[in-house]
Amino acid sequence: MSFLSADRDLARDSYYAATAVRSQSFQPLAGSMDADVAVVGGGLAGLSAAIELSDRGHRVVLLEARQVGWGASGRNGGQAIAGLACDQSTIEALVGMEESRRIWAMTLEALDLIHARRQRFGIECEWQSGFLALAVNAKKGRELKRWQADMADHYGHDTAWIAPSEIGKWIASPRYHSGLFDARSGHLHPLKYSLGLAKAAHSLGVQLFEDTPVTQLVPGPTARLRTPAGEVRATHVLLAGNVYLQGIAPVLEPRIMPVGTYIVASRALDPERIRALIPSRAAVSDTNFALDYFRPTADHRLLYGGRVSYSTSTPANLASGMQRRMAGTFPQLKDVEVEHAWGGFIDISMNRAPDFGRLADLTDGAGKGFENVYYLQGFSGHGLALAGLAGKLVAEAIDGNASRFDTFARIRHRPFPGGRLLRMPALVAGMAYYRLKDML
């Protein structure tokens, strides 16, 4: 099965698609048009950039190959969490402490940006404050406690420690040893939020086109983006399609890997029953490398995510397998049915840090001639909040102030080893090592 076929299959039973109303649709592009900026990708990053660029007076055209919010932006776990997918120590090693602090502060700004847009555009997306990071054993607990102290000392980020004697007050599961509570992070309905951003962009004059894949990117001072039935000529281009760019910028492909991830939604539970599971109603994630994550929904279901795949094959018996995983965390849910099972592909980078930049800055001359083409990718499963900020940063850069964008662009990235054929087996072997470490 091809990557796109697998992704279409995984999208069919999304709880989010079943509970969000698409009140707007946008026609495919037909004919030629001009723009100051052409955005490729109608997810959180592309929509955010379109809003920011329109606010700054730019004529913006956004091209989406399917529907806005169709990919990871509308199918993810819904957890909006401070920080990056990689540990902050990774960023310190790559860019130094001063720049690392600046990046951390911007991840907090990313959370503030969600609230600002919800308020400005009246986006109803079921926001719930609170995030629990939980350790599955004493060793993981000590590691988490050290992380908490380091973040407080070096970044001024304060969280509440949950000792083993207190853990039962926060979560009704025998699986966890200790944890911490972050009041600033939280969770939401990602498709409702994405559709709200699309509506906002349209209201600001952004021209959005759905069912419009870009088939070719032609470089030049005025770049040209060819589509099946038209063309956009633009002074600047933003590539925000992640794993869905499908060959229009081959130099980007070795820098990320598509990874399948899966989620289920239980049937609706009695409100008191689901509140007893997570009294704070916070989003939850363990601290394993191959982690599980879950959260309550506004209609009293439990959304449970975990399990990843490094091939394009959907795991057999996805719903039943994920239900057993959920019951492993909450034995009291062993008889609770799963009503939705879905997934999708995220883009991970080698170091799990985000990969932002300009095509012209890539090595070996592969980006030559693309000085006006920006890209955003490599969110590594941690992009719900960060993608919105990324769109703001690239808009600042296009508008003439690239200082904050370049802070991220200075993060060094390496391609996955082994090329197209061997990088997947190499990653599978590496993940087996980390799963073993999680059990120790």
Protein backbone atom coordinates (compact mmCIF):
# COMPACT_ATOMS: atom_id res chain seq x y z
CA MET A 1 0.00 0.00 0.00
CA SER A 2 1.29 3.46 -0.90
CA PHE A 3 1.83 6.20 1.66
CA LEU A 4 -1.11 8.25 0.36
CA SER A 5 -3.44 5.23 0.19
CA ALA A 6 -2.60 4.29 3.78
CA ASP A 7 -3.19 7.86 4.90
CA ARG A 8 -6.59 8.04 3.21
CA ASP A 9 -7.59 4.83 4.98
CA LEU A 10 -6.44 6.16 8.35
CA ALA A 11 -8.46 9.35 7.93
CA ARG A 12 -11.82 7.63 7.41
CA ASP A 13 -12.79 6.98 11.03
CA SER A 14 -11.49 10.16 12.65
CA TYR A 15 -13.43 11.26 15.71
CA TYR A 16 -12.52 14.81 14.83
CA ALA A 17 -14.03 14.61 11.35
CA ALA A 18 -17.18 13.09 12.86
CA THR A 19 -17.60 15.96 15.33
CA ALA A 20 -16.52 19.03 13.33
CA VAL A 21 -18.69 20.76 10.74
CA ARG A 22 -16.98 21.96 7.56
CA SER A 23 -19.11 25.04 6.99
CA GLN A 24 -16.87 26.31 4.19
CA SER A 25 -15.29 24.72 1.16
CA PHE A 26 -12.90 26.24 -1.34
CA GLN A 27 -12.82 25.55 -5.05
CA PRO A 28 -9.76 24.12 -6.83
CA LEU A 29 -7.53 26.60 -8.62
CA ALA A 30 -8.39 27.07 -12.29
CA GLY A 31 -6.27 29.45 -14.34
CA SER A 32 -3.31 31.66 -13.49
CA MET A 33 -2.93 34.26 -10.78
CA ASP A 34 -0.33 36.43 -9.04
CA ALA A 35 0.44 36.76 -5.34
CA ASP A 36 2.98 38.29 -3.04
CA VAL A 37 3.22 34.98 -1.17
CA ALA A 38 2.07 31.50 -2.18
CA VAL A 39 1.59 29.06 0.69
CA VAL A 40 1.65 25.32 -0.01
CA GLY A 41 -0.27 23.41 2.66
CA GLY A 42 -3.51 24.14 4.47
CA GLY A 43 -2.53 22.89 7.89
CA LEU A 44 -1.78 24.84 11.05
CA ALA A 45 1.55 26.23 9.84
CA GLY A 46 0.30 27.33 6.43
CA LEU A 47 -2.93 28.83 7.77
CA SER A 48 -1.06 30.67 10.51
CA ALA A 49 1.40 32.12 8.02
CA ALA A 50 -1.44 33.18 5.73
CA ILE A 51 -3.18 35.05 8.58
CA GLU A 52 0.01 36.80 9.66
CA LEU A 53 1.01 37.74 6.11
CA SER A 54 -2.44 39.08 5.32
CA ASP A 55 -2.33 41.14 8.52
CA ARG A 56 0.91 42.65 7.21
CA GLY A 57 -0.68 43.65 3.90
CA HIS A 58 0.55 40.86 1.63
CA ARG A 59 -1.58 39.26 -1.08
CA VAL A 60 -1.65 35.59 -0.12
CA VAL A 61 -2.73 32.49 -2.04
CA LEU A 62 -2.91 29.18 -0.17
CA LEU A 63 -2.92 25.88 -2.08
CA GLU A 64 -4.10 22.71 -0.33
CA ALA A 65 -3.90 19.35 -2.10
CA ARG A 66 -6.93 17.96 -0.24
CA GLN A 67 -8.96 19.90 2.33
CA VAL A 68 -7.76 22.41 4.91
CA GLY A 69 -6.91 20.62 8.15
CA TRP A 70 -6.97 17.24 6.41
CA GLY A 71 -3.54 15.98 7.52
CA ALA A 72 -1.87 15.86 10.92
CA SER A 73 -3.21 19.33 11.78
CA GLY A 74 -6.75 17.97 11.95
CA ARG A 75 -6.06 14.43 13.19
CA ASN A 76 -3.48 14.79 15.98
CA GLY A 77 -3.82 14.06 19.69
CA GLY A 78 -5.00 17.59 20.43
CA GLN A 79 -2.29 18.27 23.02
CA ALA A 80 -0.88 21.81 23.03
CA ILE A 81 2.28 21.58 25.12
CA ALA A 82 5.16 23.94 25.83
CA GLY A 83 8.52 23.00 24.39
CA LEU A 84 9.66 20.86 21.48
CA ALA A 85 9.58 17.16 20.67
CA CYS A 86 13.26 16.91 21.60
CA ASP A 87 14.58 17.70 25.07
CA GLN A 88 15.75 21.25 25.62
CA SER A 89 19.25 19.93 26.29
CA THR A 90 19.41 18.93 22.61
CA ILE A 91 18.74 22.54 21.62
CA GLU A 92 21.33 23.78 24.12
CA ALA A 93 23.96 21.54 22.51
CA LEU A 94 23.05 22.74 19.01
CA VAL A 95 22.70 26.51 19.48
CA GLY A 96 23.88 27.35 23.01
CA MET A 97 22.04 28.33 26.16
CA GLU A 98 21.11 31.89 25.17
CA GLU A 99 19.44 30.83 21.94
CA SER A 100 17.91 27.81 23.66
CA ARG A 101 16.22 30.10 26.19
CA ARG A 102 14.94 32.23 23.32
CA ILE A 103 13.47 29.17 21.61
CA TRP A 104 11.83 27.97 24.82
CA ALA A 105 10.22 31.38 25.33
CA MET A 106 8.85 31.21 21.81
CA THR A 107 7.22 27.83 22.54
CA LEU A 108 5.34 29.55 25.39
CA GLU A 109 4.39 32.34 23.00
CA ALA A 110 2.97 29.62 20.75
CA LEU A 111 0.47 28.73 23.47
CA ASP A 112 -0.45 32.38 23.95
CA LEU A 113 -1.00 32.66 20.20
CA ILE A 114 -3.66 29.93 20.32
CA HIS A 115 -5.58 31.88 22.96
CA ALA A 116 -5.20 35.16 21.09
CA ARG A 117 -6.59 33.65 17.90
CA ARG A 118 -9.41 31.88 19.68
CA GLN A 119 -10.47 35.20 21.13
CA ARG A 120 -9.88 37.34 18.04
CA PHE A 121 -11.69 35.07 15.61
CA GLY A 122 -14.22 33.49 17.96
CA ILE A 123 -12.92 29.95 17.38
CA GLU A 124 -14.79 27.39 19.48
CA CYS A 125 -12.38 24.46 19.77
CA GLU A 126 -12.99 22.97 23.24
CA TRP A 127 -9.87 24.33 24.96
CA GLN A 128 -9.05 22.72 28.32
CA SER A 129 -6.08 23.88 30.39
CA GLY A 130 -3.60 21.50 32.02
CA PHE A 131 -1.02 18.89 31.07
CA LEU A 132 0.31 15.94 33.07
CA ALA A 133 3.72 14.43 32.29
CA LEU A 134 3.87 11.07 34.06
CA ALA A 135 6.71 8.66 34.83
CA VAL A 136 6.08 4.92 34.67
CA ASN A 137 8.72 3.91 37.25
CA ALA A 138 11.08 5.31 39.89
CA LYS A 139 13.97 5.75 37.45
CA LYS A 140 11.81 7.72 35.03
CA GLY A 141 10.50 9.68 38.01
CA ARG A 142 14.03 10.74 39.00
CA GLU A 143 14.73 11.80 35.42
CA LEU A 144 11.53 13.84 35.30
CA LYS A 145 12.31 15.47 38.65
CA ARG A 146 15.75 16.50 37.36
CA TRP A 147 14.14 17.91 34.21
CA GLN A 148 11.69 19.91 36.30
CA ALA A 149 14.48 21.41 38.41
CA ASP A 150 16.59 22.23 35.35
CA MET A 151 13.68 23.96 33.59
CA ALA A 152 12.91 26.00 36.71
CA ASP A 153 16.55 26.98 37.28
CA HIS A 154 17.58 27.75 33.70
CA TYR A 155 14.33 28.69 31.97
CA GLY A 156 12.10 29.99 34.76
CA HIS A 157 9.45 27.40 33.89
CA ASP A 158 7.63 26.31 37.04
CA THR A 159 5.50 23.18 37.26
CA ALA A 160 3.91 21.32 40.18
CA TRP A 161 5.60 18.09 41.29
CA ILE A 162 3.40 15.05 41.94
CA ALA A 163 5.03 12.63 44.37
CA PRO A 164 4.28 8.87 44.38
CA SER A 165 2.09 9.34 47.45
CA GLU A 166 -0.02 11.91 45.56
CA ILE A 167 -0.21 10.35 42.09
CA GLY A 168 -3.54 8.63 42.76
CA LYS A 169 -5.20 12.01 43.27
CA TRP A 170 -4.26 12.99 39.72
CA ILE A 171 -4.83 9.81 37.73
CA ALA A 172 -6.75 6.60 38.44
CA SER A 173 -4.18 4.25 36.94
CA PRO A 174 -1.75 1.77 38.52
CA ARG A 175 0.77 2.41 35.76
CA TYR A 176 2.33 5.63 36.99
CA HIS A 177 4.91 6.37 39.66
CA SER A 178 5.09 10.18 39.78
CA GLY A 179 4.74 13.20 37.53
CA LEU A 180 4.33 16.91 37.13
CA PHE A 181 1.48 19.24 36.24
CA ASP A 182 1.87 22.13 33.79
CA ALA A 183 -1.04 24.55 34.07
CA ARG A 184 -0.03 26.58 31.02
CA SER A 185 -0.30 23.76 28.46
CA GLY A 186 -3.57 22.07 27.59
CA HIS A 187 -5.64 20.44 24.86
CA LEU A 188 -8.27 21.21 22.22
CA HIS A 189 -10.16 19.84 19.21
CA PRO A 190 -7.53 20.31 16.49
CA LEU A 191 -9.81 20.09 13.46
CA LYS A 192 -12.24 22.66 14.86
CA TYR A 193 -9.26 24.92 15.54
CA SER A 194 -7.83 24.38 12.03
CA LEU A 195 -11.17 25.08 10.37
CA GLY A 196 -11.50 28.21 12.50
CA LEU A 197 -8.13 29.42 11.24
CA ALA A 198 -9.16 28.74 7.64
CA LYS A 199 -12.33 30.77 8.12
CA ALA A 200 -10.26 33.55 9.69
CA ALA A 201 -7.75 33.57 6.82
CA HIS A 202 -10.56 33.75 4.27
CA SER A 203 -12.15 36.67 6.14
CA LEU A 204 -8.85 38.54 5.90
CA GLY A 205 -8.71 38.20 2.12
CA VAL A 206 -6.50 35.12 1.76
CA GLN A 207 -7.43 33.19 -1.39
CA LEU A 208 -7.68 29.52 -0.45
CA PHE A 209 -7.89 26.65 -2.93
CA GLU A 210 -8.62 23.05 -1.95
CA ASP A 211 -8.09 19.91 -4.06
CA THR A 212 -5.17 21.75 -5.65
CA PRO A 213 -1.89 19.81 -5.42
CA VAL A 214 1.26 21.58 -6.55
CA THR A 215 2.89 19.53 -9.28
CA GLN A 216 5.97 21.67 -9.89
CA LEU A 217 7.85 24.52 -8.25
CA VAL A 218 9.77 26.58 -10.81
CA PRO A 219 12.45 28.85 -9.26
CA GLY A 220 13.09 32.46 -10.07
CA PRO A 221 12.68 35.99 -8.68
CA THR A 222 9.02 35.33 -9.35
CA ALA A 223 8.52 31.67 -8.52
CA ARG A 224 5.86 29.65 -10.31
CA LEU A 225 3.77 26.91 -8.71
CA ARG A 226 2.07 24.71 -11.26
CA THR A 227 -1.08 22.79 -10.44
CA PRO A 228 -3.25 20.43 -12.52
CA ALA A 229 -5.43 23.27 -13.80
CA GLY A 230 -3.50 26.46 -13.14
CA GLU A 231 -0.45 28.33 -11.93
CA VAL A 232 0.42 30.82 -9.20
CA ARG A 233 3.22 33.34 -9.68
CA ALA A 234 4.59 34.63 -6.39
CA THR A 235 7.44 36.75 -5.05
CA HIS A 236 7.79 34.43 -2.04
CA VAL A 237 6.81 30.81 -1.44
CA LEU A 238 6.23 28.93 1.81
CA LEU A 239 6.33 25.14 1.73
CA ALA A 240 4.26 23.96 4.71
CA GLY A 241 3.17 20.54 3.46
CA ASN A 242 5.59 18.42 5.52
CA VAL A 243 5.36 14.77 4.36
CA TYR A 244 2.70 15.70 1.77
CA LEU A 245 4.90 17.78 -0.56
CA GLN A 246 5.24 14.70 -2.78
CA GLY A 247 8.41 15.51 -4.66
CA ILE A 248 8.16 19.25 -5.43
CA ALA A 249 11.19 19.96 -3.19
CA PRO A 250 13.28 16.74 -3.20
CA VAL A 251 16.08 18.32 -1.16
CA LEU A 252 13.78 18.40 1.88
CA GLU A 253 12.75 14.75 1.82
CA PRO A 254 15.85 13.12 3.40
CA ARG A 255 15.61 15.50 6.36
CA ILE A 256 12.31 14.05 7.61
CA MET A 257 10.70 10.63 7.90
CA PRO A 258 6.95 9.93 7.72
CA VAL A 259 5.87 7.98 10.80
CA GLY A 260 2.39 6.55 11.33
CA THR A 261 0.71 7.21 14.66
CA TYR A 262 -2.68 6.04 15.89
CA ILE A 263 -5.53 7.17 18.17
CA VAL A 264 -8.84 5.77 19.37
CA ALA A 265 -11.86 7.39 20.96
CA SER A 266 -13.95 5.47 23.47
CA ARG A 267 -17.69 5.64 23.52
CA ALA A 268 -19.10 8.52 25.56
CA LEU A 269 -18.86 7.82 29.30
CA ASP A 270 -20.78 9.10 32.27
CA PRO A 271 -19.24 12.52 33.10
CA GLU A 272 -18.37 11.48 36.63
CA ARG A 273 -16.73 8.28 35.41
CA ILE A 274 -14.32 10.04 33.07
CA ARG A 275 -13.63 12.77 35.62
CA ALA A 276 -12.62 10.04 38.07
CA LEU A 277 -9.97 8.87 35.59
CA ILE A 278 -8.31 12.31 35.27
CA PRO A 279 -9.81 14.67 37.87
CA SER A 280 -8.04 17.72 36.44
CA ARG A 281 -9.29 16.90 32.91
CA ALA A 282 -5.74 17.58 31.74
CA ALA A 283 -3.99 16.14 28.72
CA VAL A 284 -1.65 13.31 29.72
CA SER A 285 1.54 11.82 28.31
CA ASP A 286 4.09 9.45 29.75
CA THR A 287 7.77 10.28 29.45
CA ASN A 288 8.86 7.20 27.51
CA PHE A 289 10.63 7.65 24.16
CA ALA A 290 7.86 5.58 22.54
CA LEU A 291 5.12 7.26 24.50
CA ASP A 292 1.38 6.91 25.13
CA TYR A 293 -0.82 10.00 25.41
CA PHE A 294 -4.49 10.55 26.16
CA ARG A 295 -7.07 13.11 27.19
CA PRO A 296 -10.78 13.51 27.94
CA THR A 297 -13.00 15.16 25.36
CA ALA A 298 -15.74 17.71 25.80
CA ASP A 299 -18.33 15.00 25.17
CA HIS A 300 -16.83 12.73 27.88
CA ARG A 301 -14.86 10.23 25.83
CA LEU A 302 -11.28 9.18 26.37
CA LEU A 303 -8.98 9.76 23.40
CA TYR A 304 -6.01 7.41 23.64
CA GLY A 305 -2.96 7.58 21.37
CA GLY A 306 0.24 5.64 21.06
CA ARG A 307 1.85 2.95 18.97
CA VAL A 308 3.82 4.06 15.93
CA SER A 309 4.66 2.50 12.60
CA TYR A 310 7.70 3.13 10.42
CA SER A 311 6.16 1.56 7.34
CA THR A 312 3.11 2.60 5.36
CA SER A 313 1.11 -0.38 6.67
CA THR A 314 -1.67 0.23 9.16
CA PRO A 315 -1.42 -2.19 12.13
CA ALA A 316 -3.82 -5.11 11.93
CA ASN A 317 -6.88 -4.90 14.19
CA LEU A 318 -6.10 -1.29 15.02
CA ALA A 319 -9.19 -0.59 17.11
CA SER A 320 -8.95 -3.73 19.26
CA GLY A 321 -5.20 -3.38 19.68
CA MET A 322 -5.50 0.22 20.83
CA GLN A 323 -8.42 -0.67 23.13
CA ARG A 324 -6.17 -3.21 24.88
CA ARG A 325 -3.51 -0.52 25.20
CA MET A 326 -6.04 1.85 26.76
CA ALA A 327 -7.20 -0.87 29.15
CA GLY A 328 -3.59 -1.53 30.11
CA THR A 329 -3.46 2.01 31.48
CA PHE A 330 -7.03 2.04 32.80
CA PRO A 331 -8.10 -1.53 33.68
CA GLN A 332 -11.50 -0.13 34.68
CA LEU A 333 -12.09 0.56 30.95
CA LYS A 334 -11.47 -3.03 29.80
CA ASP A 335 -15.11 -3.42 28.75
CA VAL A 336 -15.50 0.07 27.23
CA GLU A 337 -15.92 0.01 23.47
CA VAL A 338 -13.89 2.02 21.02
CA GLU A 339 -16.11 3.98 18.60
CA HIS A 340 -13.44 5.62 16.44
CA ALA A 341 -9.96 4.46 15.42
CA TRP A 342 -7.82 6.57 13.12
CA GLY A 343 -4.31 7.83 12.57
CA GLY A 344 -2.02 9.59 10.17
CA PHE A 345 1.56 10.43 9.37
CA ILE A 346 3.75 12.91 11.19
CA ASP A 347 7.12 14.16 10.00
CA ILE A 348 10.03 13.51 12.35
CA SER A 349 13.55 14.86 12.00
CA MET A 350 16.67 12.96 13.05
CA ASN A 351 17.14 14.99 16.23
CA ARG A 352 13.37 15.57 16.78
CA ALA A 353 13.97 19.35 16.55
CA PRO A 354 11.91 21.45 14.12
CA ASP A 355 13.47 22.11 10.73
CA PHE A 356 12.76 25.66 9.49
CA GLY A 357 14.74 27.41 6.79
CA ARG A 358 15.14 28.55 3.19
CA LEU A 359 15.77 26.14 0.34
CA ALA A 360 18.72 28.25 -0.80
CA ASP A 361 20.53 27.65 2.50
CA LEU A 362 20.64 23.87 2.18
CA THR A 363 23.96 22.21 1.50
CA ASP A 364 25.65 21.10 -1.76
CA GLY A 365 23.90 23.72 -3.85
CA ALA A 366 20.64 21.78 -4.05
CA GLY A 367 18.68 24.86 -3.09
CA LYS A 368 20.36 27.24 -5.50
CA GLY A 369 17.91 29.61 -7.13
CA PHE A 370 15.34 29.19 -4.38
CA GLU A 371 16.34 32.17 -2.23
CA ASN A 372 12.68 33.24 -1.95
CA VAL A 373 11.37 29.81 -0.89
CA TYR A 374 10.89 29.11 2.83
CA TYR A 375 9.95 25.82 4.45
CA LEU A 376 8.57 24.57 7.77
CA GLN A 377 8.79 20.90 8.70
CA GLY A 378 10.09 18.41 11.28
CA PHE A 379 7.60 19.16 14.07
CA SER A 380 8.06 15.51 15.13
CA GLY A 381 4.64 15.06 16.69
CA HIS A 382 4.83 18.25 18.76
CA GLY A 383 3.41 20.81 16.37
CA LEU A 384 -0.09 21.73 17.51
CA ALA A 385 1.08 24.94 19.18
CA LEU A 386 4.49 25.30 17.53
CA ALA A 387 3.16 25.18 13.96
CA GLY A 388 1.12 28.30 14.64
CA LEU A 389 4.16 30.16 15.90
CA ALA A 390 6.21 28.89 12.94
CA GLY A 391 3.76 30.52 10.58
CA LYS A 392 4.14 33.79 12.47
CA LEU A 393 7.95 33.59 12.34
CA VAL A 394 8.09 32.99 8.60
CA ALA A 395 5.68 35.88 8.06
CA GLU A 396 8.02 38.12 10.05
CA ALA A 397 10.93 36.96 7.90
CA ILE A 398 9.12 37.59 4.61
CA ASP A 399 8.10 41.00 5.95
CA GLY A 400 11.75 41.92 6.56
CA ASN A 401 12.60 40.83 10.12
CA ALA A 402 14.09 37.33 10.06
CA SER A 403 15.81 37.39 13.45
CA ARG A 404 13.40 35.03 15.21
CA PHE A 405 12.98 32.75 12.20
CA ASP A 406 16.77 32.48 11.91
CA THR A 407 17.04 31.43 15.55
CA PHE A 408 15.28 28.22 14.53
CA ALA A 409 17.02 28.05 11.15
CA ARG A 410 20.38 27.82 12.94
CA ILE A 411 19.43 24.42 14.40
CA ARG A 412 21.57 21.91 12.48
CA HIS A 413 19.95 18.89 10.87
CA ARG A 414 21.28 15.73 9.28
CA PRO A 415 19.51 13.57 6.72
CA PHE A 416 18.33 10.14 7.75
CA PRO A 417 21.05 7.60 6.92
CA GLY A 418 20.63 4.98 4.23
CA GLY A 419 18.78 6.92 1.57
CA ARG A 420 15.21 6.22 0.51
CA LEU A 421 15.52 2.41 0.68
CA LEU A 422 17.52 1.91 3.87
CA ARG A 423 16.49 4.77 6.16
CA MET A 424 13.30 3.01 7.29
CA PRO A 425 15.00 -0.23 8.48
CA ALA A 426 17.65 1.84 10.23
CA LEU A 427 14.98 3.81 12.08
CA VAL A 428 13.13 0.64 13.08
CA ALA A 429 16.35 -0.73 14.59
CA GLY A 430 16.95 2.52 16.44
CA MET A 431 13.43 2.57 17.84
CA ALA A 432 13.81 -1.01 19.08
CA TYR A 433 16.79 0.18 21.13
CA TYR A 434 14.79 3.04 22.68
CA ARG A 435 11.84 0.78 23.46
CA LEU A 436 14.25 -1.47 25.33
CA LYS A 437 15.53 1.53 27.28
CA ASP A 438 11.95 2.47 28.18
CA MET A 439 11.54 -0.92 29.88
CA LEU A 440 14.69 -0.61 32.00
